[in-house]
PDB file of N, CA and C in Angstrom:
ATOM      1  N   UNK A   1      26.957  33.347  32.953  1.00  0.00           N
ATOM      2  CA  UNK A   1      25.294  33.389  33.010  1.00  0.00           C
ATOM      3  C   UNK A   1      25.503  32.812  34.599  1.00  0.00           C
ATOM      4  N   UNK A   2      25.927  32.244  35.500  1.00  0.00           N
ATOM      5  CA  UNK A   2      26.332  32.068  36.640  1.00  0.00           C
ATOM      6  C   UNK A   2      27.383  31.506  37.182  1.00  0.00           C
ATOM      7  N   UNK A   3      27.764  32.339  38.173  1.00  0.00           N
ATOM      8  CA  UNK A   3      29.053  32.523  38.904  1.00  0.00           C
ATOM      9  C   UNK A   3      29.140  32.268  40.745  1.00  0.00           C
ATOM     10  N   UNK A   4      29.448  31.550  41.079  1.00  0.00           N
ATOM     11  CA  UNK A   4      29.578  31.395  42.559  1.00  0.00           C
ATOM     12  C   UNK A   4      31.092  31.483  43.230  1.00  0.00           C
ATOM     13  N   UNK A   5      31.142  32.392  43.998  1.00  0.00           N
ATOM     14  CA  UNK A   5      32.380  32.886  44.453  1.00  0.00           C
ATOM     15  C   UNK A   5      32.237  32.529  46.344  1.00  0.00           C
ATOM     16  N   UNK A   6      33.182  31.672  46.721  1.00  0.00           N
ATOM     17  CA  UNK A   6      33.479  31.686  48.139  1.00  0.00           C
ATOM     18  C   UNK A   6      32.227  31.482  48.499  1.00  0.00           C
ATOM     19  N   UNK A   7      31.397  30.633  48.498  1.00  0.00           N
ATOM     20  CA  UNK A   7      30.134  30.076  49.333  1.00  0.00           C
ATOM     21  C   UNK A   7      30.338  29.352  50.454  1.00  0.00           C
ATOM     22  N   UNK A   8      29.665  30.010  51.587  1.00  0.00           N
ATOM     23  CA  UNK A   8      30.109  28.970  52.974  1.00  0.00           C
ATOM     24  C   UNK A   8      28.471  28.940  53.160  1.00  0.00           C
ATOM     25  N   UNK A   9      28.447  27.786  53.705  1.00  0.00           N
ATOM     26  CA  UNK A   9      26.976  27.532  54.449  1.00  0.00           C
ATOM     27  C   UNK A   9      27.536  26.385  55.884  1.00  0.00           C
ATOM     28  N   UNK A  10      27.017  27.116  57.136  1.00  0.00           N
ATOM     29  CA  UNK A  10      26.894  26.057  58.184  1.00  0.00           C
ATOM     30  C   UNK A  10      25.185  25.626  58.709  1.00  0.00           C
ATOM     31  N   UNK A  11      25.565  24.466  59.279  1.00  0.00           N
ATOM     32  CA  UNK A  11      24.127  24.259  60.038  1.00  0.00           C
ATOM     33  C   UNK A  11      24.928  23.889  61.455  1.00  0.00           C
ATOM     34  N   UNK A  12      24.540  24.780  62.344  1.00  0.00           N
ATOM     35  CA  UNK A  12      25.415  24.722  63.385  1.00  0.00           C
ATOM     36  C   UNK A  12      26.426  24.546  63.575  1.00  0.00           C
ATOM     37  N   UNK A  13      27.011  23.821  64.148  1.00  0.00           N
ATOM     38  CA  UNK A  13      28.716  23.735  63.815  1.00  0.00           C
ATOM     39  C   UNK A  13      29.029  22.631  62.875  1.00  0.00           C
ATOM     40  N   UNK A  14      28.209  22.234  61.758  1.00  0.00           N
ATOM     41  CA  UNK A  14      28.779  21.331  60.866  1.00  0.00           C
ATOM     42  C   UNK A  14      28.781  22.426  59.545  1.00  0.00           C
ATOM     43  N   UNK A  15      30.167  22.430  59.089  1.00  0.00           N
ATOM     44  CA  UNK A  15      30.149  23.654  57.480  1.00  0.00           C
ATOM     45  C   UNK A  15      29.848  22.475  56.458  1.00  0.00           C
ATOM     46  N   UNK A  16      28.711  22.751  55.929  1.00  0.00           N
ATOM     47  CA  UNK A  16      28.066  21.692  54.955  1.00  0.00           C
ATOM     48  C   UNK A  16      29.068  22.357  53.411  1.00  0.00           C
ATOM     49  N   UNK A  17      29.107  23.628  53.218  1.00  0.00           N
ATOM     50  CA  UNK A  17      29.290  24.254  52.383  1.00  0.00           C
ATOM     51  C   UNK A  17      30.846  25.179  52.353  1.00  0.00           C
ATOM     52  N   UNK A  18      32.059  24.488  52.197  1.00  0.00           N
ATOM     53  CA  UNK A  18      33.046  25.718  52.360  1.00  0.00           C
ATOM     54  C   UNK A  18      33.813  26.178  51.233  1.00  0.00           C
ATOM     55  N   UNK A  19      34.076  27.396  50.728  1.00  0.00           N
ATOM     56  CA  UNK A  19      34.605  28.027  50.134  1.00  0.00           C
ATOM     57  C   UNK A  19      34.486  27.319  49.046  1.00  0.00           C
ATOM     58  N   UNK A  20      32.883  27.159  48.194  1.00  0.00           N
ATOM     59  CA  UNK A  20      32.708  26.751  47.128  1.00  0.00           C
ATOM     60  C   UNK A  20      32.886  27.760  45.718  1.00  0.00           C
ATOM     61  N   UNK A  21      33.250  27.441  44.531  1.00  0.00           N
ATOM     62  CA  UNK A  21      33.778  28.036  43.624  1.00  0.00           C
ATOM     63  C   UNK A  21      33.329  27.663  42.295  1.00  0.00           C
ATOM     64  N   UNK A  22      32.809  28.235  41.312  1.00  0.00           N
ATOM     65  CA  UNK A  22      32.620  27.389  39.891  1.00  0.00           C
ATOM     66  C   UNK A  22      31.467  28.951  39.133  1.00  0.00           C
ATOM     67  N   UNK A  23      31.497  28.853  37.691  1.00  0.00           N
ATOM     68  CA  UNK A  23      31.019  29.318  36.972  1.00  0.00           C
ATOM     69  C   UNK A  23      30.611  28.535  35.712  1.00  0.00           C
ATOM     70  N   UNK A  24      29.482  29.254  35.058  1.00  0.00           N
ATOM     71  CA  UNK A  24      29.542  28.456  33.795  1.00  0.00           C
ATOM     72  C   UNK A  24      28.404  29.660  32.790  1.00  0.00           C
ATOM     73  N   UNK A  25      28.507  29.170  31.579  1.00  0.00           N
ATOM     74  CA  UNK A  25      27.674  30.326  30.431  1.00  0.00           C
ATOM     75  C   UNK A  25      26.394  29.293  30.187  1.00  0.00           C
ATOM     76  N   UNK A  26      25.908  30.076  29.003  1.00  0.00           N
ATOM     77  CA  UNK A  26      24.522  29.748  28.651  1.00  0.00           C
ATOM     78  C   UNK A  26      25.210  28.907  27.871  1.00  0.00           C
ATOM     79  N   UNK A  27      24.261  27.845  27.516  1.00  0.00           N
ATOM     80  CA  UNK A  27      24.344  26.576  26.427  1.00  0.00           C
ATOM     81  C   UNK A  27      24.861  25.443  27.275  1.00  0.00           C
ATOM     82  N   UNK A  28      25.428  25.567  28.518  1.00  0.00           N
ATOM     83  CA  UNK A  28      26.245  24.449  28.774  1.00  0.00           C
ATOM     84  C   UNK A  28      25.446  23.441  29.780  1.00  0.00           C
ATOM     85  N   UNK A  29      25.564  22.015  29.645  1.00  0.00           N
ATOM     86  CA  UNK A  29      24.781  21.564  30.801  1.00  0.00           C
ATOM     87  C   UNK A  29      25.530  21.074  31.855  1.00  0.00           C
ATOM     88  N   UNK A  30      24.858  21.322  33.336  1.00  0.00           N
ATOM     89  CA  UNK A  30      26.106  21.200  34.237  1.00  0.00           C
ATOM     90  C   UNK A  30      25.561  20.100  35.366  1.00  0.00           C
ATOM     91  N   UNK A  31      25.929  19.405  35.963  1.00  0.00           N
ATOM     92  CA  UNK A  31      25.659  18.388  36.840  1.00  0.00           C
ATOM     93  C   UNK A  31      26.279  18.781  38.251  1.00  0.00           C
ATOM     94  N   UNK A  32      25.375  18.424  39.313  1.00  0.00           N
ATOM     95  CA  UNK A  32      26.003  18.528  40.425  1.00  0.00           C
ATOM     96  C   UNK A  32      26.240  16.947  41.022  1.00  0.00           C
ATOM     97  N   UNK A  33      27.230  16.953  41.180  1.00  0.00           N
ATOM     98  CA  UNK A  33      27.362  14.690  41.198  1.00  0.00           C
ATOM     99  C   UNK A  33      28.151  15.101  42.545  1.00  0.00           C
ATOM    100  N   UNK A  34      27.837  14.288  43.583  1.00  0.00           N
ATOM    101  CA  UNK A  34      28.465  13.703  44.727  1.00  0.00           C
ATOM    102  C   UNK A  34      27.368  12.879  45.823  1.00  0.00           C
ATOM    103  N   UNK A  35      28.129  12.121  46.809  1.00  0.00           N
ATOM    104  CA  UNK A  35      27.133  11.406  47.866  1.00  0.00           C
ATOM    105  C   UNK A  35      26.235  12.331  48.078  1.00  0.00           C
ATOM    106  N   UNK A  36      25.298  11.203  49.114  1.00  0.00           N
ATOM    107  CA  UNK A  36      24.501  12.222  49.960  1.00  0.00           C
ATOM    108  C   UNK A  36      25.199  12.953  51.052  1.00  0.00           C
ATOM    109  N   UNK A  37      24.504  14.269  51.240  1.00  0.00           N
ATOM    110  CA  UNK A  37      25.631  14.949  52.532  1.00  0.00           C
ATOM    111  C   UNK A  37      26.267  15.635  51.595  1.00  0.00           C
ATOM    112  N   UNK A  38      27.107  15.772  50.638  1.00  0.00           N
ATOM    113  CA  UNK A  38      27.727  16.474  50.263  1.00  0.00           C
ATOM    114  C   UNK A  38      27.562  17.949  49.930  1.00  0.00           C
ATOM    115  N   UNK A  39      26.287  18.584  49.628  1.00  0.00           N
ATOM    116  CA  UNK A  39      26.183  19.914  49.327  1.00  0.00           C
ATOM    117  C   UNK A  39      25.384  20.130  48.615  1.00  0.00           C
ATOM    118  N   UNK A  40      24.933  18.863  47.703  1.00  0.00           N
ATOM    119  CA  UNK A  40      24.081  19.656  46.471  1.00  0.00           C
ATOM    120  C   UNK A  40      23.080  20.094  46.275  1.00  0.00           C
ATOM    121  N   UNK A  41      22.295  19.420  47.335  1.00  0.00           N
ATOM    122  CA  UNK A  41      20.835  20.677  47.349  1.00  0.00           C
ATOM    123  C   UNK A  41      21.129  21.641  47.956  1.00  0.00           C
ATOM    124  N   UNK A  42      22.135  21.799  49.217  1.00  0.00           N
ATOM    125  CA  UNK A  42      22.079  23.129  49.698  1.00  0.00           C
ATOM    126  C   UNK A  42      22.656  24.044  48.427  1.00  0.00           C
ATOM    127  N   UNK A  43      23.212  23.963  47.856  1.00  0.00           N
ATOM    128  CA  UNK A  43      23.924  24.839  46.461  1.00  0.00           C
ATOM    129  C   UNK A  43      22.784  25.063  45.844  1.00  0.00           C
ATOM    130  N   UNK A  44      21.925  24.184  45.038  1.00  0.00           N
ATOM    131  CA  UNK A  44      20.932  24.219  44.844  1.00  0.00           C
ATOM    132  C   UNK A  44      20.018  25.416  45.057  1.00  0.00           C
ATOM    133  N   UNK A  45      19.786  25.099  46.413  1.00  0.00           N
ATOM    134  CA  UNK A  45      19.077  26.174  47.503  1.00  0.00           C
ATOM    135  C   UNK A  45      19.269  27.536  47.223  1.00  0.00           C
ATOM    136  N   UNK A  46      20.946  27.555  47.360  1.00  0.00           N
ATOM    137  CA  UNK A  46      21.388  28.800  47.521  1.00  0.00           C
ATOM    138  C   UNK A  46      21.020  29.451  46.235  1.00  0.00           C
ATOM    139  N   UNK A  47      21.323  28.511  45.000  1.00  0.00           N
ATOM    140  CA  UNK A  47      21.308  29.225  43.861  1.00  0.00           C
ATOM    141  C   UNK A  47      20.039  29.981  43.780  1.00  0.00           C
ATOM    142  N   UNK A  48      19.142  29.275  44.339  1.00  0.00           N
ATOM    143  CA  UNK A  48      17.736  29.658  43.948  1.00  0.00           C
ATOM    144  C   UNK A  48      17.431  31.119  44.682  1.00  0.00           C
ATOM    145  N   UNK A  49      18.258  31.218  45.602  1.00  0.00           N
ATOM    146  CA  UNK A  49      17.934  32.568  46.601  1.00  0.00           C
ATOM    147  C   UNK A  49      16.801  31.378  47.738  1.00  0.00           C
ATOM    148  N   UNK A  50      17.003  30.096  47.816  1.00  0.00           N
ATOM    149  CA  UNK A  50      15.844  30.030  48.939  1.00  0.00           C
ATOM    150  C   UNK A  50      16.146  29.558  50.354  1.00  0.00           C
ATOM    151  N   UNK A  51      17.758  29.720  49.996  1.00  0.00           N
ATOM    152  CA  UNK A  51      18.617  29.874  51.484  1.00  0.00           C
ATOM    153  C   UNK A  51      19.323  30.516  51.615  1.00  0.00           C
ATOM    154  N   UNK A  52      19.615  31.225  53.128  1.00  0.00           N
ATOM    155  CA  UNK A  52      20.642  31.974  53.455  1.00  0.00           C
ATOM    156  C   UNK A  52      22.190  31.437  53.563  1.00  0.00           C
ATOM    157  N   UNK A  53      23.235  31.875  52.930  1.00  0.00           N
ATOM    158  CA  UNK A  53      24.196  31.403  52.967  1.00  0.00           C
ATOM    159  C   UNK A  53      24.907  32.601  54.038  1.00  0.00           C
ATOM    160  N   UNK A  54      26.259  31.781  54.492  1.00  0.00           N
ATOM    161  CA  UNK A  54      26.915  32.515  55.713  1.00  0.00           C
ATOM    162  C   UNK A  54      28.243  33.348  54.898  1.00  0.00           C
ATOM    163  N   UNK A  55      28.591  33.073  53.789  1.00  0.00           N
ATOM    164  CA  UNK A  55      29.434  34.030  53.064  1.00  0.00           C
ATOM    165  C   UNK A  55      29.507  33.676  51.804  1.00  0.00           C
ATOM    166  N   UNK A  56      29.985  34.217  50.871  1.00  0.00           N
ATOM    167  CA  UNK A  56      30.505  33.908  49.415  1.00  0.00           C
ATOM    168  C   UNK A  56      29.284  34.896  48.759  1.00  0.00           C
ATOM    169  N   UNK A  57      29.269  34.887  47.498  1.00  0.00           N
ATOM    170  CA  UNK A  57      28.333  35.613  46.326  1.00  0.00           C
ATOM    171  C   UNK A  57      27.575  34.530  45.331  1.00  0.00           C
ATOM    172  N   UNK A  58      26.665  35.119  44.882  1.00  0.00           N
ATOM    173  CA  UNK A  58      25.994  34.042  43.937  1.00  0.00           C
ATOM    174  C   UNK A  58      25.788  35.427  42.825  1.00  0.00           C
ATOM    175  N   UNK A  59      25.791  35.041  41.735  1.00  0.00           N
ATOM    176  CA  UNK A  59      25.112  35.701  40.765  1.00  0.00           C
ATOM    177  C   UNK A  59      24.893  35.302  39.428  1.00  0.00           C
ATOM    178  N   UNK A  60      23.458  35.337  38.840  1.00  0.00           N
ATOM    179  CA  UNK A  60      22.993  34.415  37.506  1.00  0.00           C
ATOM    180  C   UNK A  60      22.807  35.577  37.003  1.00  0.00           C
ATOM    181  N   UNK A  61      22.955  35.929  35.671  1.00  0.00           N
ATOM    182  CA  UNK A  61      22.601  36.791  34.632  1.00  0.00           C
ATOM    183  C   UNK A  61      23.069  38.043  35.171  1.00  0.00           C
ATOM    184  N   UNK A  62      24.260  38.461  35.619  1.00  0.00           N
ATOM    185  CA  UNK A  62      24.885  39.258  36.346  1.00  0.00           C
ATOM    186  C   UNK A  62      24.444  39.701  37.561  1.00  0.00           C
ATOM    187  N   UNK A  63      23.212  39.252  38.027  1.00  0.00           N
ATOM    188  CA  UNK A  63      22.357  39.777  39.210  1.00  0.00           C
ATOM    189  C   UNK A  63      22.687  38.874  40.723  1.00  0.00           C
ATOM    190  N   UNK A  64      22.759  39.772  41.315  1.00  0.00           N
ATOM    191  CA  UNK A  64      23.402  39.004  42.844  1.00  0.00           C
ATOM    192  C   UNK A  64      21.600  38.157  42.937  1.00  0.00           C
ATOM    193  N   UNK A  65      22.110  36.972  43.629  1.00  0.00           N
ATOM    194  CA  UNK A  65      21.073  36.032  44.129  1.00  0.00           C
ATOM    195  C   UNK A  65      21.232  36.084  45.757  1.00  0.00           C
ATOM    196  N   UNK A  66      20.199  36.078  46.304  1.00  0.00           N
ATOM    197  CA  UNK A  66      20.386  35.770  47.857  1.00  0.00           C
ATOM    198  C   UNK A  66      18.827  35.540  47.876  1.00  0.00           C
ATOM    199  N   UNK A  67      18.678  35.260  49.560  1.00  0.00           N
ATOM    200  CA  UNK A  67      17.493  35.031  50.157  1.00  0.00           C
ATOM    201  C   UNK A  67      16.311  36.288  50.243  1.00  0.00           C
ATOM    202  N   UNK A  68      16.990  37.272  50.038  1.00  0.00           N
ATOM    203  CA  UNK A  68      16.263  38.581  49.666  1.00  0.00           C
ATOM    204  C   UNK A  68      16.332  39.358  48.233  1.00  0.00           C
ATOM    205  N   UNK A  69      16.534  38.729  47.386  1.00  0.00           N
ATOM    206  CA  UNK A  69      17.447  39.401  46.090  1.00  0.00           C
ATOM    207  C   UNK A  69      17.230  38.311  44.869  1.00  0.00           C
ATOM    208  N   UNK A  70      16.205  37.115  44.931  1.00  0.00           N
ATOM    209  CA  UNK A  70      16.093  36.361  43.824  1.00  0.00           C
ATOM    210  C   UNK A  70      15.018  36.343  43.016  1.00  0.00           C
ATOM    211  N   UNK A  71      13.697  37.181  43.162  1.00  0.00           N
ATOM    212  CA  UNK A  71      12.606  36.577  42.091  1.00  0.00           C
ATOM    213  C   UNK A  71      12.919  36.879  41.109  1.00  0.00           C
ATOM    214  N   UNK A  72      13.241  38.300  40.819  1.00  0.00           N
ATOM    215  CA  UNK A  72      13.540  38.591  39.529  1.00  0.00           C
ATOM    216  C   UNK A  72      14.326  37.727  38.284  1.00  0.00           C
ATOM    217  N   UNK A  73      15.619  37.228  39.044  1.00  0.00           N
ATOM    218  CA  UNK A  73      16.257  36.633  38.370  1.00  0.00           C
ATOM    219  C   UNK A  73      15.923  35.297  38.568  1.00  0.00           C
ATOM    220  N   UNK A  74      15.517  34.713  39.200  1.00  0.00           N
ATOM    221  CA  UNK A  74      14.914  33.101  39.074  1.00  0.00           C
ATOM    222  C   UNK A  74      13.729  33.003  38.593  1.00  0.00           C
ATOM    223  N   UNK A  75      13.036  34.077  37.788  1.00  0.00           N
ATOM    224  CA  UNK A  75      11.981  33.915  37.405  1.00  0.00           C
ATOM    225  C   UNK A  75      12.248  33.301  35.926  1.00  0.00           C
ATOM    226  N   UNK A  76      13.407  33.458  35.735  1.00  0.00           N
ATOM    227  CA  UNK A  76      14.123  32.976  34.511  1.00  0.00           C
ATOM    228  C   UNK A  76      14.824  31.401  34.844  1.00  0.00           C
ATOM    229  N   UNK A  77      14.791  30.974  35.709  1.00  0.00           N
ATOM    230  CA  UNK A  77      15.244  30.053  35.961  1.00  0.00           C
ATOM    231  C   UNK A  77      14.750  28.747  36.007  1.00  0.00           C
ATOM    232  N   UNK A  78      14.676  27.466  35.807  1.00  0.00           N
ATOM    233  CA  UNK A  78      14.052  26.415  36.077  1.00  0.00           C
ATOM    234  C   UNK A  78      14.331  25.430  36.983  1.00  0.00           C
ATOM    235  N   UNK A  79      13.801  24.804  38.015  1.00  0.00           N
ATOM    236  CA  UNK A  79      14.884  23.972  38.946  1.00  0.00           C
ATOM    237  C   UNK A  79      13.855  22.915  39.702  1.00  0.00           C
ATOM    238  N   UNK A  80      13.994  21.812  40.148  1.00  0.00           N
ATOM    239  CA  UNK A  80      13.299  20.732  40.587  1.00  0.00           C
ATOM    240  C   UNK A  80      14.317  20.509  41.795  1.00  0.00           C
ATOM    241  N   UNK A  81      13.685  20.791  42.854  1.00  0.00           N
ATOM    242  CA  UNK A  81      14.498  20.244  44.276  1.00  0.00           C
ATOM    243  C   UNK A  81      13.812  19.278  44.938  1.00  0.00           C
ATOM    244  N   UNK A  82      14.304  18.084  45.108  1.00  0.00           N
ATOM    245  CA  UNK A  82      13.342  16.892  45.822  1.00  0.00           C
ATOM    246  C   UNK A  82      13.083  17.406  47.012  1.00  0.00           C
ATOM    247  N   UNK A  83      13.486  18.184  47.803  1.00  0.00           N
ATOM    248  CA  UNK A  83      12.565  18.459  48.880  1.00  0.00           C
ATOM    249  C   UNK A  83      13.356  19.835  49.360  1.00  0.00           C
ATOM    250  N   UNK A  84      12.430  20.741  50.151  1.00  0.00           N
ATOM    251  CA  UNK A  84      11.434  20.362  50.797  1.00  0.00           C
ATOM    252  C   UNK A  84      10.298  20.816  49.583  1.00  0.00           C
ATOM    253  N   UNK A  85       9.214  20.781  49.417  1.00  0.00           N
ATOM    254  CA  UNK A  85       7.967  20.902  48.331  1.00  0.00           C
ATOM    255  C   UNK A  85       7.781  22.710  48.678  1.00  0.00           C
ATOM    256  N   UNK A  86       7.579  22.894  50.230  1.00  0.00           N
ATOM    257  CA  UNK A  86       7.111  24.018  50.684  1.00  0.00           C
ATOM    258  C   UNK A  86       7.930  24.609  51.498  1.00  0.00           C
ATOM    259  N   UNK A  87       8.881  25.707  51.663  1.00  0.00           N
ATOM    260  CA  UNK A  87       9.432  26.608  51.929  1.00  0.00           C
ATOM    261  C   UNK A  87       9.145  26.791  53.380  1.00  0.00           C
ATOM    262  N   UNK A  88       9.342  26.615  54.342  1.00  0.00           N
ATOM    263  CA  UNK A  88       8.606  27.246  55.727  1.00  0.00           C
ATOM    264  C   UNK A  88       8.905  29.002  55.927  1.00  0.00           C
ATOM    265  N   UNK A  89       9.769  29.453  55.148  1.00  0.00           N
ATOM    266  CA  UNK A  89      10.303  30.656  55.420  1.00  0.00           C
ATOM    267  C   UNK A  89       9.300  31.835  54.454  1.00  0.00           C
ATOM    268  N   UNK A  90       8.733  31.139  53.493  1.00  0.00           N
ATOM    269  CA  UNK A  90       8.266  31.699  52.461  1.00  0.00           C
ATOM    270  C   UNK A  90       6.541  31.684  52.977  1.00  0.00           C
ATOM    271  N   UNK A  91       5.476  32.629  52.229  1.00  0.00           N
ATOM    272  CA  UNK A  91       4.090  32.573  52.443  1.00  0.00           C
ATOM    273  C   UNK A  91       3.913  31.914  51.400  1.00  0.00           C
ATOM    274  N   UNK A  92       2.503  31.611  51.001  1.00  0.00           N
ATOM    275  CA  UNK A  92       1.824  30.971  50.092  1.00  0.00           C
ATOM    276  C   UNK A  92       1.691  31.743  48.966  1.00  0.00           C
ATOM    277  N   UNK A  93       1.667  33.365  49.155  1.00  0.00           N
ATOM    278  CA  UNK A  93       1.819  34.199  48.071  1.00  0.00           C
ATOM    279  C   UNK A  93       3.405  34.154  47.444  1.00  0.00           C
ATOM    280  N   UNK A  94       4.540  34.230  48.291  1.00  0.00           N
ATOM    281  CA  UNK A  94       5.557  33.895  47.741  1.00  0.00           C
ATOM    282  C   UNK A  94       6.085  32.658  47.090  1.00  0.00           C
ATOM    283  N   UNK A  95       5.299  31.530  47.456  1.00  0.00           N
ATOM    284  CA  UNK A  95       5.534  30.143  46.501  1.00  0.00           C
ATOM    285  C   UNK A  95       5.064  30.406  45.305  1.00  0.00           C
ATOM    286  N   UNK A  96       3.641  30.872  45.256  1.00  0.00           N
ATOM    287  CA  UNK A  96       3.067  30.779  44.082  1.00  0.00           C
ATOM    288  C   UNK A  96       4.131  32.020  43.218  1.00  0.00           C
ATOM    289  N   UNK A  97       5.022  33.157  43.425  1.00  0.00           N
ATOM    290  CA  UNK A  97       5.644  33.910  42.688  1.00  0.00           C
ATOM    291  C   UNK A  97       6.541  33.214  42.027  1.00  0.00           C
ATOM    292  N   UNK A  98       7.653  31.927  42.724  1.00  0.00           N
ATOM    293  CA  UNK A  98       8.240  31.336  42.295  1.00  0.00           C
ATOM    294  C   UNK A  98       7.655  30.477  41.150  1.00  0.00           C
ATOM    295  N   UNK A  99       6.393  30.210  40.781  1.00  0.00           N
ATOM    296  CA  UNK A  99       6.084  29.319  39.333  1.00  0.00           C
ATOM    297  C   UNK A  99       5.668  30.271  38.766  1.00  0.00           C
ATOM    298  N   UNK A 100       5.052  31.465  38.728  1.00  0.00           N
ATOM    299  CA  UNK A 100       4.400  32.548  37.913  1.00  0.00           C
ATOM    300  C   UNK A 100       4.744  33.631  38.130  1.00  0.00           C
ATOM    301  N   UNK A 101       4.822  34.497  37.102  1.00  0.00           N
ATOM    302  CA  UNK A 101       4.896  36.297  37.447  1.00  0.00           C
ATOM    303  C   UNK A 101       3.496  36.618  37.151  1.00  0.00           C
ATOM    304  N   UNK A 102       2.391  35.880  37.276  1.00  0.00           N
ATOM    305  CA  UNK A 102       1.469  36.472  36.614  1.00  0.00           C
ATOM    306  C   UNK A 102      -0.071  36.452  37.896  1.00  0.00           C
ATOM    307  N   UNK A 103      -0.067  37.875  38.178  1.00  0.00           N
ATOM    308  CA  UNK A 103      -0.263  38.187  39.265  1.00  0.00           C
ATOM    309  C   UNK A 103      -2.309  37.750  39.045  1.00  0.00           C
ATOM    310  N   UNK A 104      -2.740  38.013  37.735  1.00  0.00           N
ATOM    311  CA  UNK A 104      -3.871  37.571  37.862  1.00  0.00           C
ATOM    312  C   UNK A 104      -3.920  35.981  38.026  1.00  0.00           C
ATOM    313  N   UNK A 105      -3.152  35.284  37.575  1.00  0.00           N
ATOM    314  CA  UNK A 105      -3.234  33.727  37.910  1.00  0.00           C
ATOM    315  C   UNK A 105      -3.517  33.656  39.029  1.00  0.00           C
ATOM    316  N   UNK A 106      -2.582  33.957  40.187  1.00  0.00           N
ATOM    317  CA  UNK A 106      -2.343  34.011  41.520  1.00  0.00           C
ATOM    318  C   UNK A 106      -3.756  34.344  42.362  1.00  0.00           C
ATOM    319  N   UNK A 107      -4.011  35.612  41.552  1.00  0.00           N
ATOM    320  CA  UNK A 107      -5.256  35.840  42.129  1.00  0.00           C
ATOM    321  C   UNK A 107      -6.180  34.891  42.014  1.00  0.00           C
ATOM    322  N   UNK A 108      -6.508  34.025  41.092  1.00  0.00           N
ATOM    323  CA  UNK A 108      -7.497  33.243  40.760  1.00  0.00           C
ATOM    324  C   UNK A 108      -7.031  31.778  41.894  1.00  0.00           C
ATOM    325  N   UNK A 109      -5.968  31.466  41.650  1.00  0.00           N
ATOM    326  CA  UNK A 109      -5.737  30.598  42.441  1.00  0.00           C
ATOM    327  C   UNK A 109      -5.757  30.640  44.274  1.00  0.00           C
ATOM    328  N   UNK A 110      -5.953  31.940  44.417  1.00  0.00           N
ATOM    329  CA  UNK A 110      -6.019  32.176  46.174  1.00  0.00           C
ATOM    330  C   UNK A 110      -7.584  32.222  46.124  1.00  0.00           C
ATOM    331  N   UNK A 111      -8.147  32.923  45.405  1.00  0.00           N
ATOM    332  CA  UNK A 111      -9.816  32.390  45.396  1.00  0.00           C
ATOM    333  C   UNK A 111     -10.666  31.193  45.376  1.00  0.00           C
ATOM    334  N   UNK A 112      -9.813  30.615  44.248  1.00  0.00           N
ATOM    335  CA  UNK A 112     -10.549  29.462  43.757  1.00  0.00           C
ATOM    336  C   UNK A 112     -10.147  28.355  45.341  1.00  0.00           C
ATOM    337  N   UNK A 113      -8.932  28.825  45.896  1.00  0.00           N
ATOM    338  CA  UNK A 113      -9.078  27.707  47.014  1.00  0.00           C
ATOM    339  C   UNK A 113      -9.147  28.150  48.535  1.00  0.00           C
ATOM    340  N   UNK A 114      -9.900  29.892  48.138  1.00  0.00           N
ATOM    341  CA  UNK A 114     -10.332  30.426  49.394  1.00  0.00           C
ATOM    342  C   UNK A 114      -9.127  30.461  50.357  1.00  0.00           C
ATOM    343  N   UNK A 115      -8.006  30.790  49.858  1.00  0.00           N
ATOM    344  CA  UNK A 115      -7.178  31.176  50.749  1.00  0.00           C
ATOM    345  C   UNK A 115      -6.784  32.988  51.328  1.00  0.00           C
ATOM    346  N   UNK A 116      -7.599  33.563  50.627  1.00  0.00           N
ATOM    347  CA  UNK A 116      -7.317  34.952  51.293  1.00  0.00           C
ATOM    348  C   UNK A 116      -7.172  35.497  52.665  1.00  0.00           C
ATOM    349  N   UNK A 117      -7.245  34.666  53.323  1.00  0.00           N
ATOM    350  CA  UNK A 117      -6.744  35.085  54.901  1.00  0.00           C
ATOM    351  C   UNK A 117      -5.578  34.856  55.610  1.00  0.00           C
ATOM    352  N   UNK A 118      -5.187  33.723  54.672  1.00  0.00           N
ATOM    353  CA  UNK A 118      -3.670  33.663  55.208  1.00  0.00           C
ATOM    354  C   UNK A 118      -2.930  33.409  54.173  1.00  0.00           C
ATOM    355  N   UNK A 119      -2.918  33.792  52.789  1.00  0.00           N
ATOM    356  CA  UNK A 119      -2.023  33.413  51.769  1.00  0.00           C
ATOM    357  C   UNK A 119      -0.947  34.735  51.999  1.00  0.00           C
ATOM    358  N   UNK A 120      -0.650  35.588  52.415  1.00  0.00           N
ATOM    359  CA  UNK A 120       0.719  36.068  52.942  1.00  0.00           C
ATOM    360  C   UNK A 120       1.379  35.933  54.328  1.00  0.00           C
ATOM    361  N   UNK A 121       0.835  34.910  55.030  1.00  0.00           N
ATOM    362  CA  UNK A 121       1.434  34.390  55.978  1.00  0.00           C
ATOM    363  C   UNK A 121       2.388  33.529  55.925  1.00  0.00           C
ATOM    364  N   UNK A 122       3.779  33.648  56.268  1.00  0.00           N
ATOM    365  CA  UNK A 122       4.732  32.720  56.467  1.00  0.00           C
ATOM    366  C   UNK A 122       4.282  31.046  56.654  1.00  0.00           C
ATOM    367  N   UNK A 123       4.539  30.210  55.504  1.00  0.00           N
ATOM    368  CA  UNK A 123       3.896  28.668  55.744  1.00  0.00           C
ATOM    369  C   UNK A 123       2.689  28.514  55.832  1.00  0.00           C
ATOM    370  N   UNK A 124       1.835  29.393  55.296  1.00  0.00           N
ATOM    371  CA  UNK A 124       0.236  29.202  55.129  1.00  0.00           C
ATOM    372  C   UNK A 124      -0.277  29.290  57.143  1.00  0.00           C
ATOM    373  N   UNK A 125       0.369  29.666  57.661  1.00  0.00           N
ATOM    374  CA  UNK A 125      -0.375  29.536  58.959  1.00  0.00           C
ATOM    375  C   UNK A 125      -1.517  30.064  58.915  1.00  0.00           C
ATOM    376  N   UNK A 126      -2.622  29.516  59.673  1.00  0.00           N
ATOM    377  CA  UNK A 126      -4.043  29.913  59.503  1.00  0.00           C
ATOM    378  C   UNK A 126      -3.938  30.809  61.115  1.00  0.00           C
TER     379      UNK A 126
END
């Protein structure tokens, strides 16, 4: 169900993830355990396609997951990450897509909060 191979992520000169490999199948309970700064949140963001990685591959339900190819697969995945609540590289519309696949609901929210003029801009920039 989930397969991670050779995952690497750096922030500047600091390597946060180095050759991370794991896999698990449906029906398993899996936990990421480690001290602060170990890379747990970075792994979760990469698994959800919310963070670009430098190397490696992620597959969920046999489908590739990356920052550009995550929406179909991650609609079947639930995750709560402590921060950030809003991802600066996504538009408001893309944030709504993370929580629902109902275009009707998304349009209702946009109209209700009068966001038509900026919903498709990254980070809701007005």
